[in-house]
């Protein structure tokens, strides 16, 4: 069985996330994601109600203290009421900590599961799907979108609970003490909420305009950074600076307009809010003085306090609306990955041993939107241990052949056979555990040389690492480093030269002792000396393994047992380097074209 992170009851995190998230129904999706933690959520509610109870229980206590002062009650009654209030306040700490422990455990576990599920899903997506999503989009979904769900649960849920708890408690207390005040609440609170909603709606367009201007500034700064070499090389510094300055001025103007609008609406909101509270207090006091409503002085204050608390709670709900919207948008965004169908199937036959026999049987590959197939009725046999180089013009299909063999791209028609077995019926991830790839663009971890060479193989010891480094012509320069294998290579190997990074990449490939070795333009970006060292390492690395070479520099394919010339998705020539050169065909013309600039 493939290695998949299990979440609960034998279900993988990927399956749980896939079953839970429906982009068309984000609210339902959120409830499904919360379901495994429902016991914690339910258990947290009583703790929240108790820890939040001072908000709606303190006003009647204060009202009773005021009434005790007005009526001249005994001091011990006032002290008793004060003691009850103090106990309520002290209860907030333990019950709040219990609430946070329960909800934090649920929220953080949910986020961790979603990220793990997305990671599993991403490892099964085809290269085409990854190209459509791009690394920046993937990072946003896994980090920012999940963070939006966390914020929703951490901020919106407590706000909703607080508002419901306070509203319920306040209305119950008012119904018991002064039920005739309830109609006043029914009129004034909706007015206050309607006023706030109207103001937020009016300012929404200005906020949107400001966000667009800030996004435009960010894009302009990004373009300036990307084009810095061209800008400085062409003496266009003033053009780049002026472009950013214009954007900055637009942000300034939009920001000022937003500030003025917010200030205007803020003043209007404050005045209207205070006026409604004052009218509520004056109305209650007048009704009490005229004996229209039987209410004490404390109960009049109670009414005014509850009005402020309830409108404040409803205002907090409105303020939490953007966080709620971002969280639900995050679920929709994550759904783009969970609903991506271009994935490798789960449950296919596991492969425990690979010899390295490869066959392509009348393979056709069509890419969406392409005018012609990337591979067209292509058949090819590669024997175990054979070294085959693929050459041809850009876009001829060389890399597609490699990706089809590795299972990154599935054929539209035809079959790919690995050791005589149809790749469509195999778990290609188990096959790729016996494969190593040396890519054109070397990707290294920020950590040590040891961590980079044994990436994904923690059981590999230092002796095996040094052996792989020697085969890759890298042992000498690593031994000369002050900390040897413990040397930290920096972000993407920035402290190393291109040739050193590539030789570490070869060592990482060899330490796995692969049955199939794929060299994808492995020397195309190197200087002649580095290319010679890397080429020597590759010559050693390919021995005893099925080796696939994709190359533009045709001199690097001399080591191949066979050279396959690809054009428009078809094999047009195949043979040894010398035989093809003597034949004077397509390969000979490619070599002549490659050598022409040097001859000139």
Foldseek 3Di string as FASTA:
>chain_A
DDDADCDPPRHGLQRQLLVLFDLVCLVSSLVSLLVVLVVLVVVLLVLLLQLLVLLQVVLVLQLVLVVCVVVVHDPVSNVVSVVVSVVSNVSNVVSVVSNCVSLVVSLVSSLVSLLSSLVVLVVFFFVVVCVVCDPVNSCCLSPVLSVLLSCCSVQQVSLVSSLVSNVVSNQVVCCVAFVVLVVVLVPLLVVLLVLLVVLCVVLVVLVVQLVVLVVVLVVLVVVCVVCVVVCVVVVVVVVSVVVSVVSVVSNVVSVVVSVVSCVVSVVVSVVVLVVSLVCQLVVVVVCCVVVVTVDDPSVSSSRSSSSVSNSVSSVSNVVCVVSVVSNSVSSSSSVVSSPDPNGQDPPFAADDDAQAWKWWAQFWACDPPDPAILAGGAIDTFDFLAEEEEDEDPSLNQVVVVCCQLVSGPTPDTFMAGVRHTPSRYPSVNVCLQEAEQAQQQFADQFFLLCRQCPVPVVDDPVLLLVLLVLLVQNVVLVVDPVRRRDGLHHRNPNDDPLNSSSSSSSSRPSSVHQEYEYHQSPVPDDPVSSVSRLSSVLSSSGSHHYYYYHLPVVSCLSGQKYFYGGNNYTPDMGHPVVVCVVPDPSVVSVCVVCVVVVD
